[in-house]
Amino acid sequence: MDYSLVTTRLGVQIRQRRSNRGLTQANLAALAGIPRQKVIAIEKGDVSVSMAAYARVLGALDCELAVIPAAMPTLDEIEGVFD
């Protein structure tokens, strides 16, 4: 599996968790002690963001990272790959 798909999926899950908790990106950034721009990059699945930043956001959301076997990507996730 392409590593960028992993960060993209993680970003989607972080965005959903933030939204479910009623937090804005600015709120989450303040809780995590990182700039809002970094939260935006994390939610986009940016591979250049450090693991420490991902960990700070996960901690601020009272979440942890679990390693599970990869699932096949959905059609939505691979849309545009063959363009």
N, C-alpha and C. Protein backbone atom coordinates (compact mmCIF):
# COMPACT_ATOMS: atom_id res chain seq x y z
N MET A 1 0.84 -1.18 0.00
CA MET A 1 0.00 0.00 0.00
C MET A 1 0.89 1.24 0.00
N ASP A 2 0.50 2.22 -0.75
CA ASP A 2 1.24 3.47 -0.84
C ASP A 2 1.17 4.19 0.52
N TYR A 3 2.32 4.63 1.02
CA TYR A 3 2.36 5.27 2.33
C TYR A 3 1.52 6.55 2.39
N SER A 4 1.36 7.24 1.26
CA SER A 4 0.55 8.47 1.28
C SER A 4 -0.92 8.16 1.52
N LEU A 5 -1.37 6.97 1.14
CA LEU A 5 -2.75 6.57 1.42
C LEU A 5 -2.95 6.41 2.92
N VAL A 6 -1.93 5.93 3.62
CA VAL A 6 -2.02 5.78 5.07
C VAL A 6 -2.21 7.14 5.73
N THR A 7 -1.40 8.13 5.35
CA THR A 7 -1.53 9.46 5.96
C THR A 7 -2.83 10.13 5.54
N THR A 8 -3.29 9.86 4.33
CA THR A 8 -4.57 10.42 3.89
C THR A 8 -5.71 9.87 4.74
N ARG A 9 -5.72 8.56 4.96
CA ARG A 9 -6.75 7.94 5.79
C ARG A 9 -6.68 8.46 7.22
N LEU A 10 -5.48 8.61 7.75
CA LEU A 10 -5.32 9.13 9.10
C LEU A 10 -5.83 10.57 9.19
N GLY A 11 -5.53 11.36 8.18
CA GLY A 11 -6.02 12.74 8.16
C GLY A 11 -7.53 12.82 8.16
N VAL A 12 -8.17 11.95 7.39
CA VAL A 12 -9.65 11.91 7.35
C VAL A 12 -10.20 11.54 8.72
N GLN A 13 -9.59 10.55 9.37
CA GLN A 13 -10.06 10.13 10.68
C GLN A 13 -9.86 11.22 11.72
N ILE A 14 -8.76 11.94 11.65
CA ILE A 14 -8.50 13.05 12.57
C ILE A 14 -9.53 14.16 12.35
N ARG A 15 -9.79 14.50 11.08
CA ARG A 15 -10.78 15.54 10.78
C ARG A 15 -12.15 15.14 11.33
N GLN A 16 -12.55 13.89 11.13
CA GLN A 16 -13.84 13.42 11.62
C GLN A 16 -13.91 13.49 13.15
N ARG A 17 -12.86 13.06 13.81
CA ARG A 17 -12.82 13.10 15.28
C ARG A 17 -12.90 14.53 15.78
N ARG A 18 -12.15 15.43 15.15
CA ARG A 18 -12.18 16.85 15.54
C ARG A 18 -13.58 17.41 15.38
N SER A 19 -14.18 17.14 14.24
CA SER A 19 -15.52 17.63 13.96
C SER A 19 -16.54 17.07 14.94
N ASN A 20 -16.44 15.76 15.22
CA ASN A 20 -17.37 15.12 16.16
C ASN A 20 -17.26 15.71 17.56
N ARG A 21 -16.09 16.20 17.91
CA ARG A 21 -15.90 16.82 19.23
C ARG A 21 -16.25 18.30 19.22
N GLY A 22 -16.67 18.82 18.06
CA GLY A 22 -17.08 20.21 17.97
C GLY A 22 -15.93 21.20 18.02
N LEU A 23 -14.75 20.75 17.61
CA LEU A 23 -13.57 21.61 17.63
C LEU A 23 -13.30 22.20 16.25
N THR A 24 -12.83 23.42 16.24
CA THR A 24 -12.33 24.00 15.00
C THR A 24 -10.87 23.59 14.86
N GLN A 25 -10.31 23.84 13.68
CA GLN A 25 -8.89 23.57 13.49
C GLN A 25 -8.05 24.42 14.43
N ALA A 26 -8.48 25.65 14.67
CA ALA A 26 -7.75 26.53 15.59
C ALA A 26 -7.82 26.00 17.02
N ASN A 27 -9.00 25.50 17.44
CA ASN A 27 -9.12 24.90 18.78
C ASN A 27 -8.17 23.73 18.93
N LEU A 28 -8.16 22.84 17.94
CA LEU A 28 -7.31 21.66 18.00
C LEU A 28 -5.84 22.05 18.01
N ALA A 29 -5.48 23.03 17.21
CA ALA A 29 -4.09 23.49 17.17
C ALA A 29 -3.67 24.00 18.55
N ALA A 30 -4.54 24.76 19.20
CA ALA A 30 -4.22 25.29 20.54
C ALA A 30 -4.07 24.14 21.54
N LEU A 31 -4.96 23.17 21.49
CA LEU A 31 -4.87 22.02 22.40
C LEU A 31 -3.60 21.21 22.18
N ALA A 32 -3.20 21.08 20.91
CA ALA A 32 -2.02 20.29 20.56
C ALA A 32 -0.72 21.08 20.67
N GLY A 33 -0.82 22.39 20.76
CA GLY A 33 0.38 23.23 20.84
C GLY A 33 1.14 23.32 19.53
N ILE A 34 0.39 23.32 18.42
CA ILE A 34 1.01 23.43 17.10
C ILE A 34 0.26 24.50 16.32
N PRO A 35 0.85 25.02 15.24
CA PRO A 35 0.15 26.02 14.42
C PRO A 35 -1.06 25.42 13.69
N ARG A 36 -2.05 26.24 13.45
CA ARG A 36 -3.25 25.79 12.71
C ARG A 36 -2.87 25.23 11.34
N GLN A 37 -1.88 25.83 10.69
CA GLN A 37 -1.46 25.36 9.37
C GLN A 37 -1.00 23.90 9.42
N LYS A 38 -0.42 23.51 10.55
CA LYS A 38 0.03 22.12 10.71
C LYS A 38 -1.18 21.19 10.83
N VAL A 39 -2.24 21.64 11.51
CA VAL A 39 -3.48 20.84 11.60
C VAL A 39 -4.08 20.67 10.21
N ILE A 40 -4.09 21.73 9.44
CA ILE A 40 -4.60 21.67 8.06
C ILE A 40 -3.80 20.63 7.27
N ALA A 41 -2.48 20.68 7.37
CA ALA A 41 -1.63 19.73 6.65
C ALA A 41 -1.88 18.29 7.11
N ILE A 42 -2.06 18.09 8.40
CA ILE A 42 -2.33 16.75 8.93
C ILE A 42 -3.66 16.24 8.39
N GLU A 43 -4.68 17.08 8.40
CA GLU A 43 -5.99 16.65 7.90
C GLU A 43 -5.97 16.36 6.40
N LYS A 44 -5.02 16.94 5.68
CA LYS A 44 -4.86 16.65 4.26
C LYS A 44 -4.01 15.41 4.03
N GLY A 45 -3.40 14.89 5.11
CA GLY A 45 -2.56 13.71 4.98
C GLY A 45 -1.17 14.02 4.45
N ASP A 46 -0.70 15.21 4.70
CA ASP A 46 0.62 15.64 4.23
C ASP A 46 1.71 14.74 4.81
N VAL A 47 2.49 14.11 3.93
CA VAL A 47 3.54 13.18 4.37
C VAL A 47 4.77 13.90 4.93
N SER A 48 4.86 15.21 4.76
CA SER A 48 6.03 15.93 5.25
C SER A 48 5.88 16.37 6.71
N VAL A 49 4.69 16.17 7.29
CA VAL A 49 4.46 16.55 8.69
C VAL A 49 5.11 15.50 9.59
N SER A 50 5.75 15.95 10.64
CA SER A 50 6.46 15.03 11.53
C SER A 50 5.51 14.13 12.31
N MET A 51 6.02 12.98 12.68
CA MET A 51 5.25 12.06 13.50
C MET A 51 4.92 12.70 14.84
N ALA A 52 5.80 13.57 15.33
CA ALA A 52 5.56 14.26 16.60
C ALA A 52 4.31 15.13 16.51
N ALA A 53 4.12 15.81 15.38
CA ALA A 53 2.93 16.65 15.20
C ALA A 53 1.67 15.79 15.15
N TYR A 54 1.73 14.67 14.42
CA TYR A 54 0.59 13.75 14.39
C TYR A 54 0.29 13.27 15.81
N ALA A 55 1.33 12.93 16.58
CA ALA A 55 1.14 12.43 17.95
C ALA A 55 0.53 13.50 18.85
N ARG A 56 0.94 14.74 18.69
CA ARG A 56 0.37 15.82 19.51
C ARG A 56 -1.11 16.00 19.22
N VAL A 57 -1.48 15.92 17.95
CA VAL A 57 -2.90 16.06 17.57
C VAL A 57 -3.70 14.88 18.10
N LEU A 58 -3.17 13.67 17.94
CA LEU A 58 -3.88 12.49 18.45
C LEU A 58 -4.05 12.57 19.96
N GLY A 59 -3.02 13.01 20.65
CA GLY A 59 -3.11 13.17 22.10
C GLY A 59 -4.14 14.21 22.49
N ALA A 60 -4.19 15.31 21.77
CA ALA A 60 -5.18 16.37 22.05
C ALA A 60 -6.61 15.89 21.82
N LEU A 61 -6.76 14.90 20.95
CA LEU A 61 -8.09 14.33 20.66
C LEU A 61 -8.38 13.10 21.53
N ASP A 62 -7.50 12.83 22.49
CA ASP A 62 -7.64 11.65 23.35
C ASP A 62 -7.70 10.37 22.52
N CYS A 63 -6.83 10.26 21.54
CA CYS A 63 -6.76 9.10 20.66
C CYS A 63 -5.35 8.53 20.68
N GLU A 64 -5.23 7.33 20.19
CA GLU A 64 -3.92 6.73 20.00
C GLU A 64 -3.86 6.09 18.63
N LEU A 65 -2.67 5.86 18.17
CA LEU A 65 -2.45 5.25 16.86
C LEU A 65 -2.35 3.74 17.05
N ALA A 66 -3.11 2.99 16.25
CA ALA A 66 -3.06 1.53 16.30
C ALA A 66 -2.59 1.01 14.96
N VAL A 67 -1.80 -0.03 14.98
CA VAL A 67 -1.31 -0.64 13.75
C VAL A 67 -2.18 -1.87 13.47
N ILE A 68 -2.87 -1.82 12.33
CA ILE A 68 -3.75 -2.92 11.93
C ILE A 68 -3.44 -3.29 10.49
N PRO A 69 -3.78 -4.51 10.08
CA PRO A 69 -3.55 -4.87 8.68
C PRO A 69 -4.27 -3.90 7.73
N ALA A 70 -3.63 -3.60 6.64
CA ALA A 70 -4.17 -2.65 5.68
C ALA A 70 -5.36 -3.23 4.94
N ALA A 71 -6.32 -2.37 4.68
CA ALA A 71 -7.47 -2.72 3.86
C ALA A 71 -7.22 -2.23 2.44
N MET A 72 -7.84 -2.87 1.50
CA MET A 72 -7.71 -2.43 0.11
C MET A 72 -8.28 -1.01 0.00
N PRO A 73 -7.65 -0.16 -0.81
CA PRO A 73 -8.18 1.19 -0.98
C PRO A 73 -9.54 1.16 -1.67
N THR A 74 -10.38 2.13 -1.31
CA THR A 74 -11.69 2.25 -1.95
C THR A 74 -11.53 2.90 -3.31
N LEU A 75 -12.57 2.82 -4.12
CA LEU A 75 -12.55 3.48 -5.45
C LEU A 75 -12.39 4.97 -5.29
N ASP A 76 -13.01 5.56 -4.28
CA ASP A 76 -12.87 6.99 -4.03
C ASP A 76 -11.41 7.36 -3.74
N GLU A 77 -10.71 6.49 -3.00
CA GLU A 77 -9.33 6.78 -2.63
C GLU A 77 -8.38 6.68 -3.82
N ILE A 78 -8.68 5.84 -4.78
CA ILE A 78 -7.77 5.71 -5.93
C ILE A 78 -8.24 6.48 -7.15
N GLU A 79 -9.33 7.23 -7.00
CA GLU A 79 -9.83 8.06 -8.10
C GLU A 79 -8.74 8.99 -8.58
N GLY A 80 -8.52 9.01 -9.84
CA GLY A 80 -7.53 9.90 -10.44
C GLY A 80 -6.14 9.30 -10.55
N VAL A 81 -5.91 8.12 -10.00
CA VAL A 81 -4.59 7.50 -10.05
C VAL A 81 -4.18 7.19 -11.48
N PHE A 82 -5.15 6.81 -12.31
CA PHE A 82 -4.84 6.38 -13.67
C PHE A 82 -5.11 7.46 -14.71
N ASP A 83 -5.28 8.69 -14.27
CA ASP A 83 -5.52 9.80 -15.21
C ASP A 83 -4.26 10.12 -15.98
